[in-house]
C-alpha atoms as a PDB file:
ATOM      1  CA  UNK A   1      -0.195   0.193  -0.004  1.00  0.00           C
ATOM      2  CA  UNK A   2       1.381   3.364  -0.856  1.00  0.00           C
ATOM      3  CA  UNK A   3       1.943   6.037   2.073  1.00  0.00           C
ATOM      4  CA  UNK A   4       1.452  10.118   1.851  1.00  0.00           C
ATOM      5  CA  UNK A   5       4.559  10.671   0.072  1.00  0.00           C
ATOM      6  CA  UNK A   6       4.414   8.199  -2.540  1.00  0.00           C
ATOM      7  CA  UNK A   7       1.339  10.450  -3.481  1.00  0.00           C
ATOM      8  CA  UNK A   8       2.918  13.864  -3.101  1.00  0.00           C
ATOM      9  CA  UNK A   9       5.445  12.808  -5.855  1.00  0.00           C
ATOM     10  CA  UNK A  10       3.047  11.808  -8.360  1.00  0.00           C
ATOM     11  CA  UNK A  11       2.047  14.515 -11.063  1.00  0.00           C
ATOM     12  CA  UNK A  12      -1.468  14.654 -10.669  1.00  0.00           C
ATOM     13  CA  UNK A  13      -3.157  16.840 -12.887  1.00  0.00           C
ATOM     14  CA  UNK A  14      -4.030  20.764 -12.069  1.00  0.00           C
ATOM     15  CA  UNK A  15      -6.962  22.627 -13.425  1.00  0.00           C
ATOM     16  CA  UNK A  16      -6.806  26.294 -13.016  1.00  0.00           C
ATOM     17  CA  UNK A  17     -10.039  28.155 -13.847  1.00  0.00           C
ATOM     18  CA  UNK A  18     -10.747  32.050 -13.568  1.00  0.00           C
ATOM     19  CA  UNK A  19     -13.547  32.498 -11.604  1.00  0.00           C
ATOM     20  CA  UNK A  20     -15.206  35.475 -13.123  1.00  0.00           C
ATOM     21  CA  UNK A  21     -18.245  36.282 -11.056  1.00  0.00           C
ATOM     22  CA  UNK A  22     -16.476  36.156  -7.339  1.00  0.00           C
ATOM     23  CA  UNK A  23     -13.210  37.035  -8.715  1.00  0.00           C
ATOM     24  CA  UNK A  24      -9.950  34.616  -8.172  1.00  0.00           C
ATOM     25  CA  UNK A  25      -9.253  31.167  -9.279  1.00  0.00           C
ATOM     26  CA  UNK A  26     -10.222  27.809  -8.549  1.00  0.00           C
ATOM     27  CA  UNK A  27      -7.903  25.203  -8.600  1.00  0.00           C
ATOM     28  CA  UNK A  28      -8.958  21.262  -8.959  1.00  0.00           C
ATOM     29  CA  UNK A  29      -7.166  18.105  -9.617  1.00  0.00           C
ATOM     30  CA  UNK A  30      -9.669  16.026 -12.152  1.00  0.00           C
ATOM     31  CA  UNK A  31      -8.198  12.587 -10.501  1.00  0.00           C
ATOM     32  CA  UNK A  32      -8.784  13.986  -6.925  1.00  0.00           C
ATOM     33  CA  UNK A  33     -12.603  14.386  -6.564  1.00  0.00           C
ATOM     34  CA  UNK A  34     -13.810  17.133  -4.467  1.00  0.00           C
ATOM     35  CA  UNK A  35     -10.220  18.321  -3.872  1.00  0.00           C
ATOM     36  CA  UNK A  36     -10.776  21.482  -4.866  1.00  0.00           C
ATOM     37  CA  UNK A  37      -9.144  25.314  -3.946  1.00  0.00           C
ATOM     38  CA  UNK A  38      -8.761  28.556  -4.408  1.00  0.00           C
ATOM     39  CA  UNK A  39      -6.702  31.868  -4.564  1.00  0.00           C
ATOM     40  CA  UNK A  40      -6.561  35.490  -5.584  1.00  0.00           C
ATOM     41  CA  UNK A  41      -3.710  35.174  -8.066  1.00  0.00           C
ATOM     42  CA  UNK A  42      -2.981  32.012  -9.870  1.00  0.00           C
ATOM     43  CA  UNK A  43      -0.228  32.018  -7.887  1.00  0.00           C
ATOM     44  CA  UNK A  44      -1.623  32.081  -4.517  1.00  0.00           C
ATOM     45  CA  UNK A  45      -3.818  29.501  -5.822  1.00  0.00           C
ATOM     46  CA  UNK A  46      -1.327  26.940  -6.995  1.00  0.00           C
ATOM     47  CA  UNK A  47       0.498  27.122  -3.548  1.00  0.00           C
ATOM     48  CA  UNK A  48      -3.255  26.331  -2.263  1.00  0.00           C
ATOM     49  CA  UNK A  49      -3.588  23.745  -4.342  1.00  0.00           C
ATOM     50  CA  UNK A  50      -0.611  21.815  -2.915  1.00  0.00           C
ATOM     51  CA  UNK A  51      -2.152  22.309   0.305  1.00  0.00           C
ATOM     52  CA  UNK A  52      -5.301  21.168  -0.335  1.00  0.00           C
ATOM     53  CA  UNK A  53      -3.779  18.017  -2.506  1.00  0.00           C
ATOM     54  CA  UNK A  54      -1.932  16.786   0.909  1.00  0.00           C
ATOM     55  CA  UNK A  55      -5.299  17.326   2.890  1.00  0.00           C
ATOM     56  CA  UNK A  56      -7.344  15.342   0.628  1.00  0.00           C
ATOM     57  CA  UNK A  57      -4.774  12.756   0.395  1.00  0.00           C
ATOM     58  CA  UNK A  58      -4.082  12.464   4.116  1.00  0.00           C
ATOM     59  CA  UNK A  59      -8.179  12.357   4.571  1.00  0.00           C
ATOM     60  CA  UNK A  60      -8.268   9.394   1.597  1.00  0.00           C
ATOM     61  CA  UNK A  61      -5.591   7.650   3.763  1.00  0.00           C
ATOM     62  CA  UNK A  62      -7.377   7.919   6.622  1.00  0.00           C
ATOM     63  CA  UNK A  63     -10.914   6.767   5.961  1.00  0.00           C
ATOM     64  CA  UNK A  64      -9.702   4.409   3.808  1.00  0.00           C
ATOM     65  CA  UNK A  65     -10.985   6.203   0.554  1.00  0.00           C
ATOM     66  CA  UNK A  66      -9.527   4.671  -3.189  1.00  0.00           C
ATOM     67  CA  UNK A  67      -7.101   6.940  -4.474  1.00  0.00           C
ATOM     68  CA  UNK A  68      -6.662   6.789  -8.278  1.00  0.00           C
ATOM     69  CA  UNK A  69      -2.750   7.210  -9.701  1.00  0.00           C
ATOM     70  CA  UNK A  70      -2.927  10.281 -11.914  1.00  0.00           C
ATOM     71  CA  UNK A  71      -4.036   9.901 -16.008  1.00  0.00           C
ATOM     72  CA  UNK A  72      -0.646   8.998 -17.930  1.00  0.00           C
ATOM     73  CA  UNK A  73       0.293  10.785 -21.298  1.00  0.00           C
ATOM     74  CA  UNK A  74       2.104   7.883 -22.094  1.00  0.00           C
ATOM     75  CA  UNK A  75      -1.055   5.896 -23.540  1.00  0.00           C
ATOM     76  CA  UNK A  76      -1.395   8.720 -26.158  1.00  0.00           C
ATOM     77  CA  UNK A  77       0.883   9.260 -29.287  1.00  0.00           C
ATOM     78  CA  UNK A  78       0.174  12.148 -30.271  1.00  0.00           C
ATOM     79  CA  UNK A  79      -1.088  10.828 -33.502  1.00  0.00           C
ATOM     80  CA  UNK A  80      -4.207   9.912 -35.568  1.00  0.00           C
ATOM     81  CA  UNK A  81      -5.566  10.014 -38.757  1.00  0.00           C
ATOM     82  CA  UNK A  82      -8.539  11.549 -40.024  1.00  0.00           C
ATOM     83  CA  UNK A  83     -10.356  10.882 -43.361  1.00  0.00           C
ATOM     84  CA  UNK A  84     -12.071  14.304 -44.309  1.00  0.00           C
ATOM     85  CA  UNK A  85     -13.593  14.861 -47.371  1.00  0.00           C
ATOM     86  CA  UNK A  86     -11.425  16.658 -50.148  1.00  0.00           C
ATOM     87  CA  UNK A  87     -13.150  20.282 -50.250  1.00  0.00           C
ATOM     88  CA  UNK A  88     -13.084  20.425 -46.695  1.00  0.00           C
ATOM     89  CA  UNK A  89      -8.718  19.783 -46.951  1.00  0.00           C
ATOM     90  CA  UNK A  90      -9.108  22.201 -49.866  1.00  0.00           C
ATOM     91  CA  UNK A  91     -10.690  24.766 -47.413  1.00  0.00           C
ATOM     92  CA  UNK A  92      -7.992  24.180 -44.635  1.00  0.00           C
ATOM     93  CA  UNK A  93      -4.565  24.028 -47.178  1.00  0.00           C
ATOM     94  CA  UNK A  94      -6.095  27.713 -48.111  1.00  0.00           C
ATOM     95  CA  UNK A  95      -6.702  28.741 -44.632  1.00  0.00           C
ATOM     96  CA  UNK A  96      -3.708  27.475 -43.231  1.00  0.00           C
ATOM     97  CA  UNK A  97      -2.267  29.526 -46.168  1.00  0.00           C
ATOM     98  CA  UNK A  98      -2.988  32.231 -45.730  1.00  0.00           C
ATOM     99  CA  UNK A  99      -2.035  32.401 -41.581  1.00  0.00           C
ATOM    100  CA  UNK A 100       1.360  31.417 -42.651  1.00  0.00           C
ATOM    101  CA  UNK A 101       1.480  28.197 -41.058  1.00  0.00           C
ATOM    102  CA  UNK A 102       1.091  24.319 -42.160  1.00  0.00           C
ATOM    103  CA  UNK A 103      -1.956  22.785 -42.311  1.00  0.00           C
ATOM    104  CA  UNK A 104      -1.226  20.773 -39.414  1.00  0.00           C
ATOM    105  CA  UNK A 105      -0.785  23.515 -37.089  1.00  0.00           C
ATOM    106  CA  UNK A 106      -3.509  25.140 -38.517  1.00  0.00           C
ATOM    107  CA  UNK A 107      -5.472  21.965 -37.211  1.00  0.00           C
ATOM    108  CA  UNK A 108      -4.267  21.392 -34.094  1.00  0.00           C
ATOM    109  CA  UNK A 109      -4.960  25.339 -33.650  1.00  0.00           C
ATOM    110  CA  UNK A 110      -8.631  24.746 -34.366  1.00  0.00           C
ATOM    111  CA  UNK A 111      -8.812  21.366 -32.067  1.00  0.00           C
ATOM    112  CA  UNK A 112      -7.576  23.121 -29.310  1.00  0.00           C
ATOM    113  CA  UNK A 113      -9.944  26.162 -29.426  1.00  0.00           C
ATOM    114  CA  UNK A 114     -12.771  23.773 -29.404  1.00  0.00           C
ATOM    115  CA  UNK A 115     -11.797  21.661 -27.011  1.00  0.00           C
ATOM    116  CA  UNK A 116     -11.588  24.798 -24.730  1.00  0.00           C
ATOM    117  CA  UNK A 117     -14.958  26.171 -25.499  1.00  0.00           C
ATOM    118  CA  UNK A 118     -16.392  22.159 -24.850  1.00  0.00           C
ATOM    119  CA  UNK A 119     -14.023  21.728 -21.700  1.00  0.00           C
ATOM    120  CA  UNK A 120     -16.261  24.693 -20.175  1.00  0.00           C
ATOM    121  CA  UNK A 121     -19.158  23.468 -20.398  1.00  0.00           C
END
């Protein structure tokens, strides 16, 4: 069985969201359900997150709650193949040329913008 220090050494993904209603920033750890904190600045929120993570892990160990290890990027290559209609291919090529970047970079930009929109829902 792992101990507190074992879990503290693991790199848990941290999500930082600006709180536009109350001000400041909210930090959570998706792999540690309910582990959430905030701070007036990003720096404060991150510092508070370290304390919140430690307290969450201590409580989980004491209560015998299952602690999941952080999700790893090792399972993802960063590549996938996608078949698209020729007309879309042409459109993407034209837009990327206008931006002065490769079509690959342009598609990554579009995907990341769309992902950011959907992650807020």
